[in-house]
Amino acid sequence: MTLAAELLEILACPEDKGPLYYIESESVLYNPRLHRTYEIRDDIPVMLIDESTALDDGENDRLSALVESDGLQPTFE
């Protein structure tokens, strides 16, 4: 299930307050600045820093390439 556009428009990283990328195929919200993802469970974004996933360089590069190749837009600008 896709997250509602209205929800995506207001979602920001709880740590740096910047925009995120919704990668639907991975069920995550991605912050390329901090190399971190926030999982989406049962269609609910888990926006807790303690439950986020820190990415190694390889995984961060993979998700960055996915964002670029799919033309994903940030949650806000």
C-alpha atoms as a PDB file:
ATOM      1  CA  MET A   1       0.000   0.000   0.000  1.00  0.00           C
ATOM      2  CA  THR A   2       1.221   3.485  -0.847  1.00  0.00           C
ATOM      3  CA  LEU A   3       1.488   6.141   1.836  1.00  0.00           C
ATOM      4  CA  ALA A   4      -0.960   9.010   1.395  1.00  0.00           C
ATOM      5  CA  ALA A   5       0.413  12.092  -0.357  1.00  0.00           C
ATOM      6  CA  GLU A   6      -0.885  14.264   2.485  1.00  0.00           C
ATOM      7  CA  LEU A   7       1.214  12.286   4.964  1.00  0.00           C
ATOM      8  CA  LEU A   8       4.327  12.361   2.798  1.00  0.00           C
ATOM      9  CA  GLU A   9       4.097  16.150   2.502  1.00  0.00           C
ATOM     10  CA  ILE A  10       4.609  16.576   6.259  1.00  0.00           C
ATOM     11  CA  LEU A  11       7.123  13.826   7.000  1.00  0.00           C
ATOM     12  CA  ALA A  12      10.606  14.974   7.977  1.00  0.00           C
ATOM     13  CA  CYS A  13      13.580  13.265   9.540  1.00  0.00           C
ATOM     14  CA  PRO A  14      13.185  13.488  13.319  1.00  0.00           C
ATOM     15  CA  GLU A  15      16.921  14.109  13.726  1.00  0.00           C
ATOM     16  CA  ASP A  16      17.897  16.711  11.112  1.00  0.00           C
ATOM     17  CA  LYS A  17      14.344  17.871  10.228  1.00  0.00           C
ATOM     18  CA  GLY A  18      15.105  17.534   6.511  1.00  0.00           C
ATOM     19  CA  PRO A  19      13.112  15.827   3.766  1.00  0.00           C
ATOM     20  CA  LEU A  20      13.060  12.092   3.219  1.00  0.00           C
ATOM     21  CA  TYR A  21      12.610   9.851   0.195  1.00  0.00           C
ATOM     22  CA  TYR A  22       9.818   7.308   0.217  1.00  0.00           C
ATOM     23  CA  ILE A  23      11.107   4.123  -1.380  1.00  0.00           C
ATOM     24  CA  GLU A  24       7.922   2.114  -1.660  1.00  0.00           C
ATOM     25  CA  SER A  25       9.623  -1.030  -2.989  1.00  0.00           C
ATOM     26  CA  GLU A  26      11.820  -1.141   0.150  1.00  0.00           C
ATOM     27  CA  SER A  27       9.072  -0.014   2.589  1.00  0.00           C
ATOM     28  CA  VAL A  28      11.327   2.704   3.990  1.00  0.00           C
ATOM     29  CA  LEU A  29      11.758   6.415   4.261  1.00  0.00           C
ATOM     30  CA  TYR A  30      15.357   7.251   3.379  1.00  0.00           C
ATOM     31  CA  ASN A  31      17.564  10.084   4.609  1.00  0.00           C
ATOM     32  CA  PRO A  32      20.640  10.286   2.341  1.00  0.00           C
ATOM     33  CA  ARG A  33      22.228  13.031   4.452  1.00  0.00           C
ATOM     34  CA  LEU A  34      22.491  10.861   7.571  1.00  0.00           C
ATOM     35  CA  HIS A  35      22.711   7.488   5.755  1.00  0.00           C
ATOM     36  CA  ARG A  36      19.622   6.275   7.589  1.00  0.00           C
ATOM     37  CA  THR A  37      16.259   4.641   6.894  1.00  0.00           C
ATOM     38  CA  TYR A  38      13.002   4.580   8.802  1.00  0.00           C
ATOM     39  CA  GLU A  39      10.938   1.434   8.376  1.00  0.00           C
ATOM     40  CA  ILE A  40       7.279   1.430   7.402  1.00  0.00           C
ATOM     41  CA  ARG A  41       5.375  -1.229   9.328  1.00  0.00           C
ATOM     42  CA  ASP A  42       1.745  -2.015   8.585  1.00  0.00           C
ATOM     43  CA  ASP A  43       1.552   1.180   6.515  1.00  0.00           C
ATOM     44  CA  ILE A  44       2.782   3.288   9.460  1.00  0.00           C
ATOM     45  CA  PRO A  45       6.132   5.104   9.287  1.00  0.00           C
ATOM     46  CA  VAL A  46       8.215   4.377  12.387  1.00  0.00           C
ATOM     47  CA  MET A  47       9.819   7.770  12.907  1.00  0.00           C
ATOM     48  CA  LEU A  48      11.875   6.983  16.005  1.00  0.00           C
ATOM     49  CA  ILE A  49      15.609   7.662  15.832  1.00  0.00           C
ATOM     50  CA  ASP A  50      16.339   4.689  18.083  1.00  0.00           C
ATOM     51  CA  GLU A  51      14.504   2.362  15.688  1.00  0.00           C
ATOM     52  CA  SER A  52      16.038   3.724  12.496  1.00  0.00           C
ATOM     53  CA  THR A  53      18.627   1.775  10.545  1.00  0.00           C
ATOM     54  CA  ALA A  54      22.105   3.206  10.007  1.00  0.00           C
ATOM     55  CA  LEU A  55      23.367   2.329   6.538  1.00  0.00           C
ATOM     56  CA  ASP A  56      26.863   1.335   5.538  1.00  0.00           C
ATOM     57  CA  ASP A  57      28.363   3.047   2.487  1.00  0.00           C
ATOM     58  CA  GLY A  58      27.373   0.268   0.099  1.00  0.00           C
ATOM     59  CA  GLU A  59      23.717   0.254   1.146  1.00  0.00           C
ATOM     60  CA  ASN A  60      23.589   4.046   1.130  1.00  0.00           C
ATOM     61  CA  ASP A  61      25.008   4.097  -2.408  1.00  0.00           C
ATOM     62  CA  ARG A  62      22.448   1.485  -3.517  1.00  0.00           C
ATOM     63  CA  LEU A  63      19.508   3.481  -2.136  1.00  0.00           C
ATOM     64  CA  SER A  64      20.880   6.753  -3.561  1.00  0.00           C
ATOM     65  CA  ALA A  65      21.108   5.118  -6.984  1.00  0.00           C
ATOM     66  CA  LEU A  66      17.547   3.801  -6.603  1.00  0.00           C
ATOM     67  CA  VAL A  67      16.250   7.274  -5.723  1.00  0.00           C
ATOM     68  CA  GLU A  68      17.998   8.718  -8.767  1.00  0.00           C
ATOM     69  CA  SER A  69      17.032   5.979 -11.230  1.00  0.00           C
ATOM     70  CA  ASP A  70      13.382   6.037 -10.136  1.00  0.00           C
ATOM     71  CA  GLY A  71      13.253   9.848 -10.125  1.00  0.00           C
ATOM     72  CA  LEU A  72      11.919   9.920  -6.556  1.00  0.00           C
ATOM     73  CA  GLN A  73      11.083  13.301  -5.090  1.00  0.00           C
ATOM     74  CA  PRO A  74      11.718  14.356  -1.485  1.00  0.00           C
ATOM     75  CA  THR A  75       8.804  14.537   0.921  1.00  0.00           C
ATOM     76  CA  PHE A  76       9.070  18.334   0.786  1.00  0.00           C
ATOM     77  CA  GLU A  77      11.419  20.932  -0.642  1.00  0.00           C
END
